[in-house]
PDB file of N, CA and C in Angstrom:
ATOM      1  N   MET A   1    -117.553 126.518-189.857  1.00  0.00           N
ATOM      2  CA  MET A   1    -116.630 126.095-188.829  1.00  0.00           C
ATOM      3  C   MET A   1    -117.363 126.163-187.487  1.00  0.00           C
ATOM      4  N   ARG A   2    -117.199 125.119-186.699  1.00  0.00           N
ATOM      5  CA  ARG A   2    -117.805 125.068-185.360  1.00  0.00           C
ATOM      6  C   ARG A   2    -116.703 125.298-184.325  1.00  0.00           C
ATOM      7  N   ILE A   3    -116.873 126.325-183.490  1.00  0.00           N
ATOM      8  CA  ILE A   3    -115.891 126.685-182.463  1.00  0.00           C
ATOM      9  C   ILE A   3    -116.556 126.515-181.104  1.00  0.00           C
ATOM     10  N   GLN A   4    -115.917 125.748-180.233  1.00  0.00           N
ATOM     11  CA  GLN A   4    -116.442 125.529-178.893  1.00  0.00           C
ATOM     12  C   GLN A   4    -115.373 125.864-177.859  1.00  0.00           C
ATOM     13  N   VAL A   5    -115.812 126.444-176.755  1.00  0.00           N
ATOM     14  CA  VAL A   5    -114.918 126.776-175.648  1.00  0.00           C
ATOM     15  C   VAL A   5    -115.515 126.215-174.370  1.00  0.00           C
ATOM     16  N   CYS A   6    -114.670 125.565-173.584  1.00  0.00           N
ATOM     17  CA  CYS A   6    -115.058 125.091-172.261  1.00  0.00           C
ATOM     18  C   CYS A   6    -114.084 125.706-171.260  1.00  0.00           C
ATOM     19  N   ARG A   7    -114.637 126.422-170.284  1.00  0.00           N
ATOM     20  CA  ARG A   7    -113.817 127.041-169.238  1.00  0.00           C
ATOM     21  C   ARG A   7    -114.085 126.309-167.928  1.00  0.00           C
ATOM     22  N   THR A   8    -113.016 125.882-167.265  1.00  0.00           N
ATOM     23  CA  THR A   8    -113.140 125.223-165.968  1.00  0.00           C
ATOM     24  C   THR A   8    -112.194 125.888-164.980  1.00  0.00           C
ATOM     25  N   GLY A   9    -112.386 125.567-163.704  1.00  0.00           N
ATOM     26  CA  GLY A   9    -111.501 126.100-162.676  1.00  0.00           C
ATOM     27  C   GLY A   9    -112.046 127.370-162.076  1.00  0.00           C
ATOM     28  N   GLY A  10    -111.144 128.227-161.693  1.00  0.00           N
ATOM     29  CA  GLY A  10    -111.534 129.447-161.015  1.00  0.00           C
ATOM     30  C   GLY A  10    -111.804 129.175-159.546  1.00  0.00           C
ATOM     31  N   PHE A  11    -112.097 130.200-158.814  1.00  0.00           N
ATOM     32  CA  PHE A  11    -112.319 130.085-157.382  1.00  0.00           C
ATOM     33  C   PHE A  11    -113.520 129.185-157.072  1.00  0.00           C
ATOM     34  N   ALA A  12    -114.604 129.333-157.833  1.00  0.00           N
ATOM     35  CA  ALA A  12    -115.817 128.552-157.577  1.00  0.00           C
ATOM     36  C   ALA A  12    -115.802 127.194-158.268  1.00  0.00           C
ATOM     37  N   GLY A  13    -114.921 127.001-159.248  1.00  0.00           N
ATOM     38  CA  GLY A  13    -114.838 125.722-159.946  1.00  0.00           C
ATOM     39  C   GLY A  13    -116.026 125.439-160.857  1.00  0.00           C
ATOM     40  N   ILE A  14    -116.694 126.453-161.321  1.00  0.00           N
ATOM     41  CA  ILE A  14    -117.873 126.282-162.173  1.00  0.00           C
ATOM     42  C   ILE A  14    -117.451 126.168-163.628  1.00  0.00           C
ATOM     43  N   GLU A  15    -118.005 125.171-164.306  1.00  0.00           N
ATOM     44  CA  GLU A  15    -117.707 124.972-165.725  1.00  0.00           C
ATOM     45  C   GLU A  15    -118.657 125.819-166.562  1.00  0.00           C
ATOM     46  N   ARG A  16    -118.108 126.390-167.630  1.00  0.00           N
ATOM     47  CA  ARG A  16    -118.926 127.164-168.561  1.00  0.00           C
ATOM     48  C   ARG A  16    -118.571 126.745-169.976  1.00  0.00           C
ATOM     49  N   ARG A  17    -119.592 126.490-170.801  1.00  0.00           N
ATOM     50  CA  ARG A  17    -119.396 126.085-172.189  1.00  0.00           C
ATOM     51  C   ARG A  17    -120.191 126.997-173.112  1.00  0.00           C
ATOM     52  N   ALA A  18    -119.622 127.242-174.291  1.00  0.00           N
ATOM     53  CA  ALA A  18    -120.320 128.021-175.311  1.00  0.00           C
ATOM     54  C   ALA A  18    -119.744 127.640-176.665  1.00  0.00           C
ATOM     55  N   GLY A  19    -120.521 127.872-177.702  1.00  0.00           N
ATOM     56  CA  GLY A  19    -120.061 127.550-179.043  1.00  0.00           C
ATOM     57  C   GLY A  19    -120.618 128.506-180.076  1.00  0.00           C
ATOM     58  N   ILE A  20    -119.914 128.575-181.199  1.00  0.00           N
ATOM     59  CA  ILE A  20    -120.294 129.435-182.323  1.00  0.00           C
ATOM     60  C   ILE A  20    -120.172 128.598-183.597  1.00  0.00           C
ATOM     61  N   ASP A  21    -121.152 128.722-184.464  1.00  0.00           N
ATOM     62  CA  ASP A  21    -121.062 128.122-185.793  1.00  0.00           C
ATOM     63  C   ASP A  21    -120.900 129.287-186.768  1.00  0.00           C
ATOM     64  N   THR A  22    -119.778 129.327-187.478  1.00  0.00           N
ATOM     65  CA  THR A  22    -119.496 130.469-188.353  1.00  0.00           C
ATOM     66  C   THR A  22    -120.191 130.376-189.708  1.00  0.00           C
ATOM     67  N   SER A  23    -120.821 129.257-190.003  1.00  0.00           N
ATOM     68  CA  SER A  23    -121.496 129.081-191.299  1.00  0.00           C
ATOM     69  C   SER A  23    -122.525 130.182-191.524  1.00  0.00           C
ATOM     70  N   GLY A  24    -122.403 130.851-192.647  1.00  0.00           N
ATOM     71  CA  GLY A  24    -123.359 131.873-193.018  1.00  0.00           C
ATOM     72  C   GLY A  24    -123.176 133.218-192.327  1.00  0.00           C
ATOM     73  N   ARG A  25    -122.208 133.338-191.472  1.00  0.00           N
ATOM     74  CA  ARG A  25    -121.979 134.617-190.796  1.00  0.00           C
ATOM     75  C   ARG A  25    -121.176 135.542-191.707  1.00  0.00           C
ATOM     76  N   PRO A  26    -121.496 136.824-191.720  1.00  0.00           N
ATOM     77  CA  PRO A  26    -120.729 137.746-192.556  1.00  0.00           C
ATOM     78  C   PRO A  26    -119.283 137.914-192.073  1.00  0.00           C
ATOM     79  N   ASP A  27    -119.036 137.634-190.797  1.00  0.00           N
ATOM     80  CA  ASP A  27    -117.691 137.760-190.242  1.00  0.00           C
ATOM     81  C   ASP A  27    -117.001 136.401-190.073  1.00  0.00           C
ATOM     82  N   ALA A  28    -117.429 135.409-190.832  1.00  0.00           N
ATOM     83  CA  ALA A  28    -116.897 134.045-190.707  1.00  0.00           C
ATOM     84  C   ALA A  28    -115.384 133.987-190.910  1.00  0.00           C
ATOM     85  N   ALA A  29    -114.861 134.697-191.884  1.00  0.00           N
ATOM     86  CA  ALA A  29    -113.419 134.656-192.156  1.00  0.00           C
ATOM     87  C   ALA A  29    -112.627 135.184-190.962  1.00  0.00           C
ATOM     88  N   GLU A  30    -113.120 136.216-190.313  1.00  0.00           N
ATOM     89  CA  GLU A  30    -112.457 136.775-189.134  1.00  0.00           C
ATOM     90  C   GLU A  30    -112.437 135.750-187.994  1.00  0.00           C
ATOM     91  N   TRP A  31    -113.581 135.096-187.744  1.00  0.00           N
ATOM     92  CA  TRP A  31    -113.657 134.054-186.710  1.00  0.00           C
ATOM     93  C   TRP A  31    -112.689 132.911-187.016  1.00  0.00           C
ATOM     94  N   GLU A  32    -112.659 132.487-188.272  1.00  0.00           N
ATOM     95  CA  GLU A  32    -111.825 131.350-188.662  1.00  0.00           C
ATOM     96  C   GLU A  32    -110.340 131.658-188.510  1.00  0.00           C
ATOM     97  N   THR A  33    -109.928 132.854-188.883  1.00  0.00           N
ATOM     98  CA  THR A  33    -108.534 133.268-188.706  1.00  0.00           C
ATOM     99  C   THR A  33    -108.164 133.303-187.230  1.00  0.00           C
ATOM    100  N   LEU A  34    -109.040 133.852-186.420  1.00  0.00           N
ATOM    101  CA  LEU A  34    -108.810 133.925-184.978  1.00  0.00           C
ATOM    102  C   LEU A  34    -108.748 132.523-184.360  1.00  0.00           C
ATOM    103  N   ALA A  35    -109.631 131.642-184.780  1.00  0.00           N
ATOM    104  CA  ALA A  35    -109.658 130.273-184.254  1.00  0.00           C
ATOM    105  C   ALA A  35    -108.382 129.522-184.605  1.00  0.00           C
ATOM    106  N   GLU A  36    -107.910 129.651-185.818  1.00  0.00           N
ATOM    107  CA  GLU A  36    -106.670 128.976-186.225  1.00  0.00           C
ATOM    108  C   GLU A  36    -105.479 129.485-185.415  1.00  0.00           C
ATOM    109  N   ALA A  37    -105.431 130.796-185.178  1.00  0.00           N
ATOM    110  CA  ALA A  37    -104.340 131.363-184.388  1.00  0.00           C
ATOM    111  C   ALA A  37    -104.412 130.875-182.938  1.00  0.00           C
ATOM    112  N   ALA A  38    -105.610 130.768-182.398  1.00  0.00           N
ATOM    113  CA  ALA A  38    -105.778 130.289-181.021  1.00  0.00           C
ATOM    114  C   ALA A  38    -105.346 128.832-180.901  1.00  0.00           C
ATOM    115  N   LEU A  39    -105.694 128.008-181.866  1.00  0.00           N
ATOM    116  CA  LEU A  39    -105.278 126.599-181.844  1.00  0.00           C
ATOM    117  C   LEU A  39    -103.763 126.469-181.936  1.00  0.00           C
ATOM    118  N   ALA A  40    -103.158 127.292-182.770  1.00  0.00           N
ATOM    119  CA  ALA A  40    -101.705 127.220-182.975  1.00  0.00           C
ATOM    120  C   ALA A  40    -100.935 127.494-181.686  1.00  0.00           C
ATOM    121  N   GLY A  41    -101.487 128.301-180.799  1.00  0.00           N
ATOM    122  CA  GLY A  41    -100.810 128.637-179.556  1.00  0.00           C
ATOM    123  C   GLY A  41    -101.140 127.720-178.397  1.00  0.00           C
ATOM    124  N   GLY A  42    -101.958 126.695-178.640  1.00  0.00           N
ATOM    125  CA  GLY A  42    -102.393 125.808-177.562  1.00  0.00           C
ATOM    126  C   GLY A  42    -101.555 124.553-177.439  1.00  0.00           C
ATOM    127  N   ARG A  43    -101.905 123.734-176.466  1.00  0.00           N
ATOM    128  CA  ARG A  43    -101.239 122.460-176.214  1.00  0.00           C
ATOM    129  C   ARG A  43    -102.217 121.328-176.479  1.00  0.00           C
ATOM    130  N   THR A  44    -101.683 120.139-176.714  1.00  0.00           N
ATOM    131  CA  THR A  44    -102.539 118.982-176.949  1.00  0.00           C
ATOM    132  C   THR A  44    -103.056 118.385-175.646  1.00  0.00           C
ATOM    133  N   GLU A  45    -102.396 118.665-174.533  1.00  0.00           N
ATOM    134  CA  GLU A  45    -102.807 118.191-173.216  1.00  0.00           C
ATOM    135  C   GLU A  45    -103.127 119.391-172.329  1.00  0.00           C
ATOM    136  N   PRO A  46    -103.953 119.192-171.297  1.00  0.00           N
ATOM    137  CA  PRO A  46    -104.237 120.318-170.398  1.00  0.00           C
ATOM    138  C   PRO A  46    -102.956 120.942-169.851  1.00  0.00           C
ATOM    139  N   SER A  47    -102.937 122.266-169.836  1.00  0.00           N
ATOM    140  CA  SER A  47    -101.745 122.978-169.391  1.00  0.00           C
ATOM    141  C   SER A  47    -101.824 123.332-167.918  1.00  0.00           C
ATOM    142  N   PRO A  48    -100.657 123.417-167.296  1.00  0.00           N
ATOM    143  CA  PRO A  48    -100.658 123.838-165.893  1.00  0.00           C
ATOM    144  C   PRO A  48    -101.035 125.312-165.803  1.00  0.00           C
ATOM    145  N   GLY A  49    -101.776 125.632-164.808  1.00  0.00           N
ATOM    146  CA  GLY A  49    -102.168 127.027-164.617  1.00  0.00           C
ATOM    147  C   GLY A  49    -101.718 127.501-163.257  1.00  0.00           C
ATOM    148  N   VAL A  50    -102.471 128.390-162.701  1.00  0.00           N
ATOM    149  CA  VAL A  50    -102.191 128.920-161.371  1.00  0.00           C
ATOM    150  C   VAL A  50    -103.359 128.549-160.461  1.00  0.00           C
ATOM    151  N   PRO A  51    -103.144 128.512-159.154  1.00  0.00           N
ATOM    152  CA  PRO A  51    -104.252 128.201-158.255  1.00  0.00           C
ATOM    153  C   PRO A  51    -105.434 129.144-158.499  1.00  0.00           C
ATOM    154  N   ASP A  52    -106.612 128.575-158.559  1.00  0.00           N
ATOM    155  CA  ASP A  52    -107.859 129.306-158.788  1.00  0.00           C
ATOM    156  C   ASP A  52    -107.924 129.998-160.147  1.00  0.00           C
ATOM    157  N   GLY A  53    -107.027 129.634-161.065  1.00  0.00           N
ATOM    158  CA  GLY A  53    -107.063 130.189-162.417  1.00  0.00           C
ATOM    159  C   GLY A  53    -107.986 129.370-163.305  1.00  0.00           C
ATOM    160  N   PHE A  54    -108.294 129.899-164.455  1.00  0.00           N
ATOM    161  CA  PHE A  54    -109.145 129.197-165.405  1.00  0.00           C
ATOM    162  C   PHE A  54    -108.310 128.357-166.363  1.00  0.00           C
ATOM    163  N   HIS A  55    -108.859 127.212-166.733  1.00  0.00           N
ATOM    164  CA  HIS A  55    -108.309 126.355-167.778  1.00  0.00           C
ATOM    165  C   HIS A  55    -109.322 126.360-168.915  1.00  0.00           C
ATOM    166  N   TYR A  56    -108.826 126.321-170.137  1.00  0.00           N
ATOM    167  CA  TYR A  56    -109.705 126.399-171.307  1.00  0.00           C
ATOM    168  C   TYR A  56    -109.422 125.247-172.259  1.00  0.00           C
ATOM    169  N   GLU A  57    -110.489 124.767-172.863  1.00  0.00           N
ATOM    170  CA  GLU A  57    -110.400 123.775-173.925  1.00  0.00           C
ATOM    171  C   GLU A  57    -111.082 124.410-175.130  1.00  0.00           C
ATOM    172  N   ILE A  58    -110.311 124.609-176.189  1.00  0.00           N
ATOM    173  CA  ILE A  58    -110.837 125.215-177.416  1.00  0.00           C
ATOM    174  C   ILE A  58    -110.910 124.119-178.464  1.00  0.00           C
ATOM    175  N   THR A  59    -112.099 123.885-179.006  1.00  0.00           N
ATOM    176  CA  THR A  59    -112.270 122.855-180.029  1.00  0.00           C
ATOM    177  C   THR A  59    -112.801 123.513-181.299  1.00  0.00           C
ATOM    178  N   VAL A  60    -112.089 123.274-182.388  1.00  0.00           N
ATOM    179  CA  VAL A  60    -112.467 123.833-183.686  1.00  0.00           C
ATOM    180  C   VAL A  60    -112.548 122.684-184.675  1.00  0.00           C
ATOM    181  N   ASP A  61    -113.763 122.380-185.123  1.00  0.00           N
ATOM    182  CA  ASP A  61    -113.986 121.293-186.077  1.00  0.00           C
ATOM    183  C   ASP A  61    -113.252 120.006-185.685  1.00  0.00           C
ATOM    184  N   GLY A  62    -113.370 119.626-184.417  1.00  0.00           N
ATOM    185  CA  GLY A  62    -112.787 118.378-183.948  1.00  0.00           C
ATOM    186  C   GLY A  62    -111.332 118.446-183.500  1.00  0.00           C
ATOM    187  N   ARG A  63    -110.662 119.565-183.693  1.00  0.00           N
ATOM    188  CA  ARG A  63    -109.274 119.743-183.223  1.00  0.00           C
ATOM    189  C   ARG A  63    -109.328 120.522-181.919  1.00  0.00           C
ATOM    190  N   THR A  64    -108.634 120.002-180.901  1.00  0.00           N
ATOM    191  CA  THR A  64    -108.705 120.608-179.570  1.00  0.00           C
ATOM    192  C   THR A  64    -107.343 121.093-179.101  1.00  0.00           C
ATOM    193  N   ALA A  65    -107.362 122.262-178.494  1.00  0.00           N
ATOM    194  CA  ALA A  65    -106.163 122.826-177.864  1.00  0.00           C
ATOM    195  C   ALA A  65    -106.525 123.205-176.433  1.00  0.00           C
ATOM    196  N   HIS A  66    -105.547 123.078-175.539  1.00  0.00           N
ATOM    197  CA  HIS A  66    -105.726 123.427-174.137  1.00  0.00           C
ATOM    198  C   HIS A  66    -104.840 124.621-173.806  1.00  0.00           C
ATOM    199  N   CYS A  67    -105.320 125.476-172.919  1.00  0.00           N
ATOM    200  CA  CYS A  67    -104.533 126.608-172.454  1.00  0.00           C
ATOM    201  C   CYS A  67    -105.054 127.020-171.082  1.00  0.00           C
ATOM    202  N   ALA A  68    -104.287 127.838-170.384  1.00  0.00           N
ATOM    203  CA  ALA A  68    -104.669 128.247-169.029  1.00  0.00           C
ATOM    204  C   ALA A  68    -104.179 129.653-168.733  1.00  0.00           C
ATOM    205  N   ASP A  69    -104.927 130.325-167.857  1.00  0.00           N
ATOM    206  CA  ASP A  69    -104.475 131.611-167.339  1.00  0.00           C
ATOM    207  C   ASP A  69    -103.224 131.379-166.520  1.00  0.00           C
ATOM    208  N   PRO A  70    -102.287 132.243-166.492  1.00  0.00           N
ATOM    209  CA  PRO A  70    -102.211 133.527-167.182  1.00  0.00           C
ATOM    210  C   PRO A  70    -101.468 133.447-168.515  1.00  0.00           C
ATOM    211  N   ARG A  71    -101.246 132.262-169.037  1.00  0.00           N
ATOM    212  CA  ARG A  71    -100.422 132.085-170.238  1.00  0.00           C
ATOM    213  C   ARG A  71    -101.241 131.968-171.521  1.00  0.00           C
ATOM    214  N   LEU A  72    -102.218 132.817-171.709  1.00  0.00           N
ATOM    215  CA  LEU A  72    -103.008 132.811-172.939  1.00  0.00           C
ATOM    216  C   LEU A  72    -102.361 133.725-173.968  1.00  0.00           C
ATOM    217  N   THR A  73    -102.401 133.303-175.231  1.00  0.00           N
ATOM    218  CA  THR A  73    -101.963 134.203-176.296  1.00  0.00           C
ATOM    219  C   THR A  73    -103.068 135.238-176.509  1.00  0.00           C
ATOM    220  N   GLU A  74    -102.752 136.291-177.215  1.00  0.00           N
ATOM    221  CA  GLU A  74    -103.771 137.311-177.505  1.00  0.00           C
ATOM    222  C   GLU A  74    -104.925 136.711-178.300  1.00  0.00           C
ATOM    223  N   ALA A  75    -104.605 135.825-179.256  1.00  0.00           N
ATOM    224  CA  ALA A  75    -105.656 135.190-180.061  1.00  0.00           C
ATOM    225  C   ALA A  75    -106.554 134.320-179.186  1.00  0.00           C
ATOM    226  N   GLN A  76    -105.965 133.557-178.269  1.00  0.00           N
ATOM    227  CA  GLN A  76    -106.758 132.720-177.374  1.00  0.00           C
ATOM    228  C   GLN A  76    -107.653 133.576-176.495  1.00  0.00           C
ATOM    229  N   ARG A  77    -107.087 134.613-175.924  1.00  0.00           N
ATOM    230  CA  ARG A  77    -107.858 135.497-175.031  1.00  0.00           C
ATOM    231  C   ARG A  77    -109.044 136.116-175.780  1.00  0.00           C
ATOM    232  N   GLU A  78    -108.803 136.599-176.982  1.00  0.00           N
ATOM    233  CA  GLU A  78    -109.884 137.227-177.746  1.00  0.00           C
ATOM    234  C   GLU A  78    -110.939 136.209-178.161  1.00  0.00           C
ATOM    235  N   LEU A  79    -110.508 135.052-178.653  1.00  0.00           N
ATOM    236  CA  LEU A  79    -111.468 134.029-179.087  1.00  0.00           C
ATOM    237  C   LEU A  79    -112.316 133.556-177.908  1.00  0.00           C
ATOM    238  N   ILE A  80    -111.681 133.242-176.794  1.00  0.00           N
ATOM    239  CA  ILE A  80    -112.405 132.781-175.613  1.00  0.00           C
ATOM    240  C   ILE A  80    -113.432 133.820-175.176  1.00  0.00           C
ATOM    241  N   SER A  81    -113.014 135.066-175.104  1.00  0.00           N
ATOM    242  CA  SER A  81    -113.912 136.144-174.693  1.00  0.00           C
ATOM    243  C   SER A  81    -115.105 136.260-175.642  1.00  0.00           C
ATOM    244  N   ARG A  82    -114.848 136.235-176.929  1.00  0.00           N
ATOM    245  CA  ARG A  82    -115.929 136.383-177.910  1.00  0.00           C
ATOM    246  C   ARG A  82    -116.877 135.200-177.898  1.00  0.00           C
ATOM    247  N   VAL A  83    -116.342 133.989-177.822  1.00  0.00           N
ATOM    248  CA  VAL A  83    -117.214 132.814-177.834  1.00  0.00           C
ATOM    249  C   VAL A  83    -118.070 132.773-176.563  1.00  0.00           C
ATOM    250  N   LEU A  84    -117.452 133.007-175.404  1.00  0.00           N
ATOM    251  CA  LEU A  84    -118.225 132.984-174.164  1.00  0.00           C
ATOM    252  C   LEU A  84    -119.263 134.102-174.116  1.00  0.00           C
ATOM    253  N   LYS A  85    -118.997 135.212-174.786  1.00  0.00           N
ATOM    254  CA  LYS A  85    -119.950 136.332-174.814  1.00  0.00           C
ATOM    255  C   LYS A  85    -121.087 136.088-175.805  1.00  0.00           C
ATOM    256  N   GLU A  86    -120.745 135.649-177.020  1.00  0.00           N
ATOM    257  CA  GLU A  86    -121.731 135.529-178.091  1.00  0.00           C
ATOM    258  C   GLU A  86    -122.318 134.129-178.251  1.00  0.00           C
ATOM    259  N   GLY A  87    -121.599 133.140-177.768  1.00  0.00           N
ATOM    260  CA  GLY A  87    -122.012 131.758-178.005  1.00  0.00           C
ATOM    261  C   GLY A  87    -123.180 131.305-177.166  1.00  0.00           C
ATOM    262  N   ALA A  88    -123.746 130.215-177.623  1.00  0.00           N
ATOM    263  CA  ALA A  88    -124.890 129.636-176.904  1.00  0.00           C
ATOM    264  C   ALA A  88    -124.476 128.333-176.263  1.00  0.00           C
TER     265      ALA A  88
END
């Protein structure tokens, strides 16, 4: 499974992208469960956020969900944090 996160917005307006490929990872099932939960809580169109807040685009194997601070689900928050930390 290929998981990609794009973060835009914020005070500086800097875009950040990262991705993870779960193929062959020992924790692949955990990533996949988290990714499915994050997609389920997202929207098909960009969501309204707050001024200077971050907007996120989560793409999992070609399916995309949009979400924004401060209305992230726990699954979205965890997935975004992990992908931006570990992803390339």
